[in-house]
């Protein structure tokens, strides 16, 4: 390795840096080690920050994705809904254990704390697109995880989800529900790798857009759920939505996601002001139920005839 003096010019590009090799000398420009970021002088400095509140919400969103898909496919692939609670609990346990193991594995190893680098802009997620070419001759390869560990931690989490799925779910499915969870296991073997690819390609976009994605999807799926109830009248809808345990659980799940999106979008910077928005979480459901008589296509066609 060729050593250079501290007095040389800064490295080209946005993410190239020099590593301290001791004795007042530094390496040539290149990618910083994992867990390091180039400072204003393009010298690689170890990140000592902790994830911000928004970062934790993003990690929570990535974790919730797998859990929601697990629960959806458990319910979707079984026409008989009874006794599926065991599979739902198994999926929850798998995701919780995967999250704990992932956090313990990330530096500092064995601690529930995480050492992270600050995310400043969207390009931080895609350093492979910003490798400079000085004088248009040779390319300096400075691809690195500037947003350490937000880029790879979700992939590690999904990998643990896959391992725990294969260890726990087949036994639970065979022992407690007569192998009725087999199709949901096959579905997970597809969607978990898809989530890994999704994080690898769109991680930066998801980081900035996930609060709005959660709010929009929770409202849409809420309307789809309510429209699936056979009797589209105010009183039967209220009865089915709030007195049926399964439907109430689904409804509360939608409300949780809606509140999660609001918290992520506002970050509760002004708790008194933004906290009141949480009270509006039930509004889409109540709006649907109270206006269903105006939106039921069958009833409108009957009135026209």
C-alpha atoms as a PDB file:
ATOM      1  CA  UNK A   1       0.000   0.000   0.000  1.00  0.00           C
ATOM      2  CA  UNK A   2       1.347   3.390  -0.984  1.00  0.00           C
ATOM      3  CA  UNK A   3       1.458   5.858   1.895  1.00  0.00           C
ATOM      4  CA  UNK A   4       0.864   9.570   1.479  1.00  0.00           C
ATOM      5  CA  UNK A   5       1.239  12.641   3.659  1.00  0.00           C
ATOM      6  CA  UNK A   6      -1.618  14.362   5.448  1.00  0.00           C
ATOM      7  CA  UNK A   7      -1.069  17.552   3.461  1.00  0.00           C
ATOM      8  CA  UNK A   8      -2.292  16.106   0.152  1.00  0.00           C
ATOM      9  CA  UNK A   9      -5.531  17.304  -1.414  1.00  0.00           C
ATOM     10  CA  UNK A  10      -8.891  15.891  -0.542  1.00  0.00           C
ATOM     11  CA  UNK A  11     -10.208  12.771  -2.223  1.00  0.00           C
ATOM     12  CA  UNK A  12     -12.449  13.251  -5.256  1.00  0.00           C
ATOM     13  CA  UNK A  13     -16.075  12.191  -5.202  1.00  0.00           C
ATOM     14  CA  UNK A  14     -18.666  12.252  -2.457  1.00  0.00           C
ATOM     15  CA  UNK A  15     -17.722   9.104  -0.571  1.00  0.00           C
ATOM     16  CA  UNK A  16     -14.004   8.424  -1.058  1.00  0.00           C
ATOM     17  CA  UNK A  17     -11.784   8.672   2.024  1.00  0.00           C
ATOM     18  CA  UNK A  18      -8.331   7.914   3.399  1.00  0.00           C
ATOM     19  CA  UNK A  19      -7.662   5.475   6.232  1.00  0.00           C
ATOM     20  CA  UNK A  20      -5.262   6.316   9.040  1.00  0.00           C
ATOM     21  CA  UNK A  21      -2.299   3.947   8.751  1.00  0.00           C
ATOM     22  CA  UNK A  22      -0.483   5.366  11.790  1.00  0.00           C
ATOM     23  CA  UNK A  23       2.554   7.583  12.123  1.00  0.00           C
ATOM     24  CA  UNK A  24       0.813  10.568  10.549  1.00  0.00           C
ATOM     25  CA  UNK A  25       0.344   8.826   7.214  1.00  0.00           C
ATOM     26  CA  UNK A  26      -2.798   7.879   5.336  1.00  0.00           C
ATOM     27  CA  UNK A  27      -3.724   5.422   2.607  1.00  0.00           C
ATOM     28  CA  UNK A  28      -4.743   6.222  -0.917  1.00  0.00           C
ATOM     29  CA  UNK A  29      -8.312   7.302  -1.605  1.00  0.00           C
ATOM     30  CA  UNK A  30     -10.845   4.522  -1.509  1.00  0.00           C
ATOM     31  CA  UNK A  31     -13.781   3.117   0.442  1.00  0.00           C
ATOM     32  CA  UNK A  32     -13.766   3.588   4.205  1.00  0.00           C
ATOM     33  CA  UNK A  33     -14.082   0.489   6.430  1.00  0.00           C
ATOM     34  CA  UNK A  34     -17.573  -0.621   7.471  1.00  0.00           C
ATOM     35  CA  UNK A  35     -18.904   1.618  10.205  1.00  0.00           C
ATOM     36  CA  UNK A  36     -16.798   4.603   9.060  1.00  0.00           C
ATOM     37  CA  UNK A  37     -17.639   7.749   7.122  1.00  0.00           C
ATOM     38  CA  UNK A  38     -15.360  10.272   5.368  1.00  0.00           C
ATOM     39  CA  UNK A  39     -15.364  13.605   7.191  1.00  0.00           C
ATOM     40  CA  UNK A  40     -15.052  17.058   5.636  1.00  0.00           C
ATOM     41  CA  UNK A  41     -11.343  16.419   5.035  1.00  0.00           C
ATOM     42  CA  UNK A  42     -12.172  13.011   3.447  1.00  0.00           C
ATOM     43  CA  UNK A  43     -10.512  11.177   6.341  1.00  0.00           C
ATOM     44  CA  UNK A  44     -12.304   8.017   7.458  1.00  0.00           C
ATOM     45  CA  UNK A  45     -13.783   8.512  10.926  1.00  0.00           C
ATOM     46  CA  UNK A  46     -15.605   5.872  12.933  1.00  0.00           C
ATOM     47  CA  UNK A  47     -19.310   6.580  13.454  1.00  0.00           C
ATOM     48  CA  UNK A  48     -20.233   6.883  17.122  1.00  0.00           C
ATOM     49  CA  UNK A  49     -23.848   8.031  16.803  1.00  0.00           C
ATOM     50  CA  UNK A  50     -26.983   6.181  17.846  1.00  0.00           C
ATOM     51  CA  UNK A  51     -29.976   5.782  15.498  1.00  0.00           C
ATOM     52  CA  UNK A  52     -32.369   8.696  15.543  1.00  0.00           C
ATOM     53  CA  UNK A  53     -36.032   8.254  16.405  1.00  0.00           C
ATOM     54  CA  UNK A  54     -36.859   8.250  12.680  1.00  0.00           C
ATOM     55  CA  UNK A  55     -34.210   5.564  12.053  1.00  0.00           C
ATOM     56  CA  UNK A  56     -35.797   3.293  14.666  1.00  0.00           C
ATOM     57  CA  UNK A  57     -39.207   3.842  13.062  1.00  0.00           C
ATOM     58  CA  UNK A  58     -37.739   2.869   9.693  1.00  0.00           C
ATOM     59  CA  UNK A  59     -36.279  -0.314  11.160  1.00  0.00           C
ATOM     60  CA  UNK A  60     -39.641  -0.999  12.797  1.00  0.00           C
ATOM     61  CA  UNK A  61     -41.337  -0.581   9.424  1.00  0.00           C
ATOM     62  CA  UNK A  62     -38.982  -3.067   7.754  1.00  0.00           C
ATOM     63  CA  UNK A  63     -39.597  -5.532  10.578  1.00  0.00           C
ATOM     64  CA  UNK A  64     -43.371  -5.068  10.411  1.00  0.00           C
ATOM     65  CA  UNK A  65     -43.357  -5.820   6.680  1.00  0.00           C
ATOM     66  CA  UNK A  66     -42.338  -9.424   7.232  1.00  0.00           C
ATOM     67  CA  UNK A  67     -44.759  -9.909  10.143  1.00  0.00           C
ATOM     68  CA  UNK A  68     -47.697  -8.477   8.186  1.00  0.00           C
ATOM     69  CA  UNK A  69     -46.911 -10.704   5.195  1.00  0.00           C
ATOM     70  CA  UNK A  70     -46.665 -13.728   7.493  1.00  0.00           C
ATOM     71  CA  UNK A  71     -50.061 -13.006   9.023  1.00  0.00           C
ATOM     72  CA  UNK A  72     -51.654 -12.224   5.658  1.00  0.00           C
ATOM     73  CA  UNK A  73     -50.549 -15.467   4.014  1.00  0.00           C
ATOM     74  CA  UNK A  74     -51.436 -17.543   7.085  1.00  0.00           C
ATOM     75  CA  UNK A  75     -54.964 -16.201   6.822  1.00  0.00           C
ATOM     76  CA  UNK A  76     -55.148 -16.126   3.017  1.00  0.00           C
ATOM     77  CA  UNK A  77     -53.988 -19.712   2.440  1.00  0.00           C
ATOM     78  CA  UNK A  78     -56.473 -21.208   4.925  1.00  0.00           C
ATOM     79  CA  UNK A  79     -60.191 -21.133   4.254  1.00  0.00           C
ATOM     80  CA  UNK A  80     -60.921 -22.396   7.752  1.00  0.00           C
ATOM     81  CA  UNK A  81     -59.864 -19.566  10.051  1.00  0.00           C
ATOM     82  CA  UNK A  82     -60.233 -21.386  13.356  1.00  0.00           C
ATOM     83  CA  UNK A  83     -57.180 -22.573  15.280  1.00  0.00           C
ATOM     84  CA  UNK A  84     -54.871 -20.379  13.181  1.00  0.00           C
ATOM     85  CA  UNK A  85     -53.947 -18.303  16.226  1.00  0.00           C
ATOM     86  CA  UNK A  86     -51.084 -20.738  16.898  1.00  0.00           C
ATOM     87  CA  UNK A  87     -49.549 -19.940  13.505  1.00  0.00           C
ATOM     88  CA  UNK A  88     -50.006 -16.206  14.060  1.00  0.00           C
ATOM     89  CA  UNK A  89     -48.256 -16.455  17.436  1.00  0.00           C
ATOM     90  CA  UNK A  90     -45.473 -18.514  15.871  1.00  0.00           C
ATOM     91  CA  UNK A  91     -44.913 -15.829  13.216  1.00  0.00           C
ATOM     92  CA  UNK A  92     -44.807 -13.145  15.919  1.00  0.00           C
ATOM     93  CA  UNK A  93     -42.274 -15.125  17.971  1.00  0.00           C
ATOM     94  CA  UNK A  94     -40.113 -15.711  14.890  1.00  0.00           C
ATOM     95  CA  UNK A  95     -40.037 -12.002  14.023  1.00  0.00           C
ATOM     96  CA  UNK A  96     -39.338 -10.903  17.609  1.00  0.00           C
ATOM     97  CA  UNK A  97     -36.498 -13.410  18.005  1.00  0.00           C
ATOM     98  CA  UNK A  98     -35.077 -12.403  14.614  1.00  0.00           C
ATOM     99  CA  UNK A  99     -35.134  -8.743  15.658  1.00  0.00           C
ATOM    100  CA  UNK A 100     -33.384  -9.428  18.974  1.00  0.00           C
ATOM    101  CA  UNK A 101     -30.710 -11.597  17.335  1.00  0.00           C
ATOM    102  CA  UNK A 102     -30.121  -8.973  14.651  1.00  0.00           C
ATOM    103  CA  UNK A 103     -29.627  -6.147  17.156  1.00  0.00           C
ATOM    104  CA  UNK A 104     -27.311  -8.324  19.269  1.00  0.00           C
ATOM    105  CA  UNK A 105     -25.227  -9.133  16.201  1.00  0.00           C
ATOM    106  CA  UNK A 106     -24.746  -5.512  15.107  1.00  0.00           C
ATOM    107  CA  UNK A 107     -21.869  -3.503  16.605  1.00  0.00           C
ATOM    108  CA  UNK A 108     -21.515  -3.287  19.580  1.00  0.00           C
ATOM    109  CA  UNK A 109     -21.958  -7.067  19.515  1.00  0.00           C
ATOM    110  CA  UNK A 110     -23.970  -8.492  22.412  1.00  0.00           C
ATOM    111  CA  UNK A 111     -25.656  -5.180  23.238  1.00  0.00           C
ATOM    112  CA  UNK A 112     -29.160  -3.950  22.451  1.00  0.00           C
ATOM    113  CA  UNK A 113     -27.657  -0.608  21.484  1.00  0.00           C
ATOM    114  CA  UNK A 114     -26.669   0.153  17.890  1.00  0.00           C
ATOM    115  CA  UNK A 115     -23.769   2.265  16.662  1.00  0.00           C
ATOM    116  CA  UNK A 116     -24.790   4.020  13.466  1.00  0.00           C
ATOM    117  CA  UNK A 117     -23.766   6.618  10.927  1.00  0.00           C
ATOM    118  CA  UNK A 118     -25.860   9.710  10.247  1.00  0.00           C
ATOM    119  CA  UNK A 119     -28.019   9.689   7.103  1.00  0.00           C
ATOM    120  CA  UNK A 120     -27.746  13.044   5.350  1.00  0.00           C
ATOM    121  CA  UNK A 121     -29.269  12.583   1.887  1.00  0.00           C
ATOM    122  CA  UNK A 122     -30.721  10.027  -0.513  1.00  0.00           C
ATOM    123  CA  UNK A 123     -27.406   9.500  -2.322  1.00  0.00           C
ATOM    124  CA  UNK A 124     -25.929   8.051   0.902  1.00  0.00           C
ATOM    125  CA  UNK A 125     -27.902   4.870   0.165  1.00  0.00           C
ATOM    126  CA  UNK A 126     -26.487   4.461  -3.343  1.00  0.00           C
ATOM    127  CA  UNK A 127     -22.755   5.077  -3.116  1.00  0.00           C
ATOM    128  CA  UNK A 128     -22.124   2.637  -5.990  1.00  0.00           C
ATOM    129  CA  UNK A 129     -23.546   5.288  -8.323  1.00  0.00           C
ATOM    130  CA  UNK A 130     -21.029   7.931  -7.197  1.00  0.00           C
ATOM    131  CA  UNK A 131     -17.639   6.330  -7.835  1.00  0.00           C
ATOM    132  CA  UNK A 132     -15.525   9.195  -9.247  1.00  0.00           C
ATOM    133  CA  UNK A 133     -13.365   8.984 -12.393  1.00  0.00           C
ATOM    134  CA  UNK A 134     -10.550  11.581 -12.037  1.00  0.00           C
ATOM    135  CA  UNK A 135      -9.577  12.921 -15.475  1.00  0.00           C
ATOM    136  CA  UNK A 136     -11.956  10.331 -16.962  1.00  0.00           C
ATOM    137  CA  UNK A 137      -9.218   7.703 -16.897  1.00  0.00           C
ATOM    138  CA  UNK A 138      -9.518   5.324 -13.951  1.00  0.00           C
ATOM    139  CA  UNK A 139     -12.472   4.856 -11.606  1.00  0.00           C
ATOM    140  CA  UNK A 140     -12.027   5.024  -7.847  1.00  0.00           C
ATOM    141  CA  UNK A 141     -14.221   2.369  -6.275  1.00  0.00           C
ATOM    142  CA  UNK A 142     -15.589   3.934  -3.096  1.00  0.00           C
ATOM    143  CA  UNK A 143     -18.777   1.898  -2.715  1.00  0.00           C
ATOM    144  CA  UNK A 144     -19.517   1.457   0.993  1.00  0.00           C
ATOM    145  CA  UNK A 145     -22.329   1.444   3.545  1.00  0.00           C
ATOM    146  CA  UNK A 146     -22.413   5.142   4.395  1.00  0.00           C
ATOM    147  CA  UNK A 147     -25.739   4.659   6.210  1.00  0.00           C
ATOM    148  CA  UNK A 148     -24.300   1.897   8.418  1.00  0.00           C
ATOM    149  CA  UNK A 149     -26.030  -0.273   9.556  1.00  0.00           C
ATOM    150  CA  UNK A 150     -29.416   0.717   8.129  1.00  0.00           C
ATOM    151  CA  UNK A 151     -28.743  -0.787   4.711  1.00  0.00           C
ATOM    152  CA  UNK A 152     -27.641  -4.271   5.778  1.00  0.00           C
ATOM    153  CA  UNK A 153     -29.419  -4.693   9.100  1.00  0.00           C
ATOM    154  CA  UNK A 154     -32.775  -5.352   7.409  1.00  0.00           C
ATOM    155  CA  UNK A 155     -31.187  -8.031   5.219  1.00  0.00           C
ATOM    156  CA  UNK A 156     -29.699  -9.701   8.294  1.00  0.00           C
ATOM    157  CA  UNK A 157     -33.108  -9.548   9.970  1.00  0.00           C
ATOM    158  CA  UNK A 158     -34.850 -11.193   7.004  1.00  0.00           C
ATOM    159  CA  UNK A 159     -32.164 -13.894   6.905  1.00  0.00           C
ATOM    160  CA  UNK A 160     -32.821 -14.687  10.574  1.00  0.00           C
ATOM    161  CA  UNK A 161     -36.569 -14.725   9.814  1.00  0.00           C
ATOM    162  CA  UNK A 162     -35.944 -17.370   7.153  1.00  0.00           C
ATOM    163  CA  UNK A 163     -33.837 -19.515   9.492  1.00  0.00           C
ATOM    164  CA  UNK A 164     -36.318 -19.308  12.371  1.00  0.00           C
ATOM    165  CA  UNK A 165     -39.190 -19.970   9.981  1.00  0.00           C
ATOM    166  CA  UNK A 166     -37.610 -23.249   8.915  1.00  0.00           C
ATOM    167  CA  UNK A 167     -36.801 -24.216  12.487  1.00  0.00           C
ATOM    168  CA  UNK A 168     -40.116 -23.413  14.182  1.00  0.00           C
ATOM    169  CA  UNK A 169     -43.012 -23.193  11.743  1.00  0.00           C
ATOM    170  CA  UNK A 170     -42.980 -26.744  10.316  1.00  0.00           C
ATOM    171  CA  UNK A 171     -43.081 -28.188  13.837  1.00  0.00           C
ATOM    172  CA  UNK A 172     -45.907 -25.843  14.915  1.00  0.00           C
ATOM    173  CA  UNK A 173     -47.837 -26.497  11.708  1.00  0.00           C
ATOM    174  CA  UNK A 174     -47.548 -30.286  11.996  1.00  0.00           C
ATOM    175  CA  UNK A 175     -48.109 -30.523  15.752  1.00  0.00           C
ATOM    176  CA  UNK A 176     -50.945 -28.073  16.362  1.00  0.00           C
ATOM    177  CA  UNK A 177     -52.885 -27.393  13.133  1.00  0.00           C
ATOM    178  CA  UNK A 178     -52.601 -30.628  11.123  1.00  0.00           C
ATOM    179  CA  UNK A 179     -50.086 -29.115   8.660  1.00  0.00           C
ATOM    180  CA  UNK A 180     -52.482 -26.367   7.626  1.00  0.00           C
ATOM    181  CA  UNK A 181     -49.653 -23.841   7.728  1.00  0.00           C
ATOM    182  CA  UNK A 182     -47.657 -25.485   4.924  1.00  0.00           C
ATOM    183  CA  UNK A 183     -48.768 -23.071   2.199  1.00  0.00           C
ATOM    184  CA  UNK A 184     -47.907 -20.052   4.344  1.00  0.00           C
ATOM    185  CA  UNK A 185     -44.390 -21.478   4.802  1.00  0.00           C
ATOM    186  CA  UNK A 186     -43.988 -21.791   1.033  1.00  0.00           C
ATOM    187  CA  UNK A 187     -45.253 -18.217   0.621  1.00  0.00           C
ATOM    188  CA  UNK A 188     -42.671 -16.953   3.132  1.00  0.00           C
ATOM    189  CA  UNK A 189     -39.902 -18.682   1.178  1.00  0.00           C
ATOM    190  CA  UNK A 190     -40.868 -16.391  -1.706  1.00  0.00           C
ATOM    191  CA  UNK A 191     -41.682 -13.066  -0.067  1.00  0.00           C
ATOM    192  CA  UNK A 192     -38.725 -12.920   2.350  1.00  0.00           C
ATOM    193  CA  UNK A 193     -36.113 -13.049  -0.476  1.00  0.00           C
ATOM    194  CA  UNK A 194     -38.247 -10.502  -2.349  1.00  0.00           C
ATOM    195  CA  UNK A 195     -38.097  -8.202   0.692  1.00  0.00           C
ATOM    196  CA  UNK A 196     -34.290  -8.569   0.747  1.00  0.00           C
ATOM    197  CA  UNK A 197     -34.100  -7.518  -2.915  1.00  0.00           C
ATOM    198  CA  UNK A 198     -36.569  -4.693  -2.238  1.00  0.00           C
ATOM    199  CA  UNK A 199     -34.323  -3.375   0.539  1.00  0.00           C
ATOM    200  CA  UNK A 200     -31.202  -3.704  -1.625  1.00  0.00           C
ATOM    201  CA  UNK A 201     -32.682  -1.775  -4.547  1.00  0.00           C
ATOM    202  CA  UNK A 202     -35.157   0.651  -2.972  1.00  0.00           C
ATOM    203  CA  UNK A 203     -33.825   1.006   0.594  1.00  0.00           C
ATOM    204  CA  UNK A 204     -33.128   4.724   0.265  1.00  0.00           C
ATOM    205  CA  UNK A 205     -36.496   5.491  -1.303  1.00  0.00           C
ATOM    206  CA  UNK A 206     -38.280   3.470   1.372  1.00  0.00           C
ATOM    207  CA  UNK A 207     -36.362   5.316   4.080  1.00  0.00           C
ATOM    208  CA  UNK A 208     -37.830   8.648   3.017  1.00  0.00           C
ATOM    209  CA  UNK A 209     -41.237   7.474   1.802  1.00  0.00           C
ATOM    210  CA  UNK A 210     -42.307   4.776   4.284  1.00  0.00           C
ATOM    211  CA  UNK A 211     -44.498   7.052   6.507  1.00  0.00           C
ATOM    212  CA  UNK A 212     -46.635   8.026   3.517  1.00  0.00           C
ATOM    213  CA  UNK A 213     -46.684   4.449   2.198  1.00  0.00           C
ATOM    214  CA  UNK A 214     -47.958   3.177   5.559  1.00  0.00           C
ATOM    215  CA  UNK A 215     -50.716   5.792   5.792  1.00  0.00           C
ATOM    216  CA  UNK A 216     -51.957   5.325   2.226  1.00  0.00           C
ATOM    217  CA  UNK A 217     -51.873   1.512   2.312  1.00  0.00           C
ATOM    218  CA  UNK A 218     -53.548   1.334   5.747  1.00  0.00           C
ATOM    219  CA  UNK A 219     -56.448   3.478   4.490  1.00  0.00           C
ATOM    220  CA  UNK A 220     -56.827   1.457   1.272  1.00  0.00           C
ATOM    221  CA  UNK A 221     -56.647  -1.959   2.924  1.00  0.00           C
ATOM    222  CA  UNK A 222     -59.033  -0.736   5.616  1.00  0.00           C
ATOM    223  CA  UNK A 223     -61.603   0.097   2.943  1.00  0.00           C
ATOM    224  CA  UNK A 224     -61.011  -3.252   1.217  1.00  0.00           C
ATOM    225  CA  UNK A 225     -61.506  -5.087   4.506  1.00  0.00           C
ATOM    226  CA  UNK A 226     -64.761  -3.286   5.301  1.00  0.00           C
ATOM    227  CA  UNK A 227     -66.056  -3.834   1.767  1.00  0.00           C
ATOM    228  CA  UNK A 228     -65.478  -7.588   2.160  1.00  0.00           C
ATOM    229  CA  UNK A 229     -68.150  -7.754   4.872  1.00  0.00           C
ATOM    230  CA  UNK A 230     -71.263  -9.197   3.267  1.00  0.00           C
ATOM    231  CA  UNK A 231     -73.857  -6.857   4.776  1.00  0.00           C
ATOM    232  CA  UNK A 232     -73.117  -3.271   3.679  1.00  0.00           C
ATOM    233  CA  UNK A 233     -75.394  -1.366   6.047  1.00  0.00           C
ATOM    234  CA  UNK A 234     -74.489   0.845   8.984  1.00  0.00           C
ATOM    235  CA  UNK A 235     -75.695  -1.324  11.886  1.00  0.00           C
ATOM    236  CA  UNK A 236     -74.501  -4.694  10.518  1.00  0.00           C
ATOM    237  CA  UNK A 237     -71.142  -3.142   9.651  1.00  0.00           C
ATOM    238  CA  UNK A 238     -70.743  -1.758  13.157  1.00  0.00           C
ATOM    239  CA  UNK A 239     -71.696  -5.117  14.623  1.00  0.00           C
ATOM    240  CA  UNK A 240     -69.343  -7.133  12.398  1.00  0.00           C
ATOM    241  CA  UNK A 241     -66.450  -4.694  12.762  1.00  0.00           C
ATOM    242  CA  UNK A 242     -66.526  -4.222  16.522  1.00  0.00           C
ATOM    243  CA  UNK A 243     -68.214  -7.310  17.986  1.00  0.00           C
ATOM    244  CA  UNK A 244     -66.503  -9.975  15.884  1.00  0.00           C
ATOM    245  CA  UNK A 245     -63.167 -10.731  17.570  1.00  0.00           C
ATOM    246  CA  UNK A 246     -61.328 -11.532  14.339  1.00  0.00           C
ATOM    247  CA  UNK A 247     -62.606  -8.439  12.529  1.00  0.00           C
ATOM    248  CA  UNK A 248     -61.882  -6.219  15.527  1.00  0.00           C
ATOM    249  CA  UNK A 249     -58.301  -7.535  15.652  1.00  0.00           C
ATOM    250  CA  UNK A 250     -57.819  -6.723  11.962  1.00  0.00           C
ATOM    251  CA  UNK A 251     -59.351  -3.298  12.501  1.00  0.00           C
ATOM    252  CA  UNK A 252     -57.069  -2.517  15.447  1.00  0.00           C
ATOM    253  CA  UNK A 253     -54.101  -3.627  13.347  1.00  0.00           C
ATOM    254  CA  UNK A 254     -55.050  -1.098  10.683  1.00  0.00           C
ATOM    255  CA  UNK A 255     -55.401   1.612  13.298  1.00  0.00           C
ATOM    256  CA  UNK A 256     -51.978   0.776  14.696  1.00  0.00           C
ATOM    257  CA  UNK A 257     -50.401   1.058  11.230  1.00  0.00           C
ATOM    258  CA  UNK A 258     -52.189   4.357  10.591  1.00  0.00           C
ATOM    259  CA  UNK A 259     -50.959   5.771  13.906  1.00  0.00           C
ATOM    260  CA  UNK A 260     -47.461   4.443  13.158  1.00  0.00           C
ATOM    261  CA  UNK A 261     -47.449   6.297   9.833  1.00  0.00           C
ATOM    262  CA  UNK A 262     -48.578   9.542  11.464  1.00  0.00           C
ATOM    263  CA  UNK A 263     -45.884   9.287  14.134  1.00  0.00           C
ATOM    264  CA  UNK A 264     -43.210   8.548  11.520  1.00  0.00           C
ATOM    265  CA  UNK A 265     -44.331  11.419   9.295  1.00  0.00           C
ATOM    266  CA  UNK A 266     -44.464  14.027  12.074  1.00  0.00           C
ATOM    267  CA  UNK A 267     -41.877  12.453  14.442  1.00  0.00           C
ATOM    268  CA  UNK A 268     -44.003  14.163  17.127  1.00  0.00           C
ATOM    269  CA  UNK A 269     -41.785  17.259  16.999  1.00  0.00           C
ATOM    270  CA  UNK A 270     -44.629  19.150  18.643  1.00  0.00           C
ATOM    271  CA  UNK A 271     -46.205  16.476  20.813  1.00  0.00           C
ATOM    272  CA  UNK A 272     -49.232  18.578  21.824  1.00  0.00           C
ATOM    273  CA  UNK A 273     -50.081  19.492  18.241  1.00  0.00           C
ATOM    274  CA  UNK A 274     -49.180  16.317  16.352  1.00  0.00           C
ATOM    275  CA  UNK A 275     -50.356  14.069  19.167  1.00  0.00           C
ATOM    276  CA  UNK A 276     -53.936  15.190  18.511  1.00  0.00           C
ATOM    277  CA  UNK A 277     -53.674  13.708  15.005  1.00  0.00           C
ATOM    278  CA  UNK A 278     -53.624  10.258  16.597  1.00  0.00           C
ATOM    279  CA  UNK A 279     -57.235  10.876  17.641  1.00  0.00           C
ATOM    280  CA  UNK A 280     -58.154  10.956  13.924  1.00  0.00           C
ATOM    281  CA  UNK A 281     -56.970   7.375  13.364  1.00  0.00           C
ATOM    282  CA  UNK A 282     -60.534   5.877  13.568  1.00  0.00           C
ATOM    283  CA  UNK A 283     -61.889   8.536  11.177  1.00  0.00           C
ATOM    284  CA  UNK A 284     -61.517   6.529   7.887  1.00  0.00           C
ATOM    285  CA  UNK A 285     -63.408   3.572   9.383  1.00  0.00           C
ATOM    286  CA  UNK A 286     -66.224   5.694  10.764  1.00  0.00           C
ATOM    287  CA  UNK A 287     -66.422   7.686   7.522  1.00  0.00           C
ATOM    288  CA  UNK A 288     -66.776   4.452   5.522  1.00  0.00           C
ATOM    289  CA  UNK A 289     -69.468   3.029   7.803  1.00  0.00           C
ATOM    290  CA  UNK A 290     -71.510   6.232   8.021  1.00  0.00           C
ATOM    291  CA  UNK A 291     -71.418   6.845   4.267  1.00  0.00           C
ATOM    292  CA  UNK A 292     -71.788   3.238   3.099  1.00  0.00           C
ATOM    293  CA  UNK A 293     -75.412   3.767   2.051  1.00  0.00           C
ATOM    294  CA  UNK A 294     -74.241   6.344  -0.478  1.00  0.00           C
ATOM    295  CA  UNK A 295     -71.462   4.158  -1.910  1.00  0.00           C
ATOM    296  CA  UNK A 296     -72.988   0.679  -2.147  1.00  0.00           C
ATOM    297  CA  UNK A 297     -73.213  -0.008  -5.919  1.00  0.00           C
ATOM    298  CA  UNK A 298     -76.022  -2.561  -5.591  1.00  0.00           C
ATOM    299  CA  UNK A 299     -78.186  -0.149  -3.646  1.00  0.00           C
ATOM    300  CA  UNK A 300     -77.517   2.741  -6.037  1.00  0.00           C
ATOM    301  CA  UNK A 301     -78.419   0.609  -9.054  1.00  0.00           C
ATOM    302  CA  UNK A 302     -81.614  -0.493  -7.339  1.00  0.00           C
ATOM    303  CA  UNK A 303     -82.561   3.118  -6.578  1.00  0.00           C
ATOM    304  CA  UNK A 304     -81.954   4.128 -10.193  1.00  0.00           C
ATOM    305  CA  UNK A 305     -84.151   1.356 -11.482  1.00  0.00           C
END
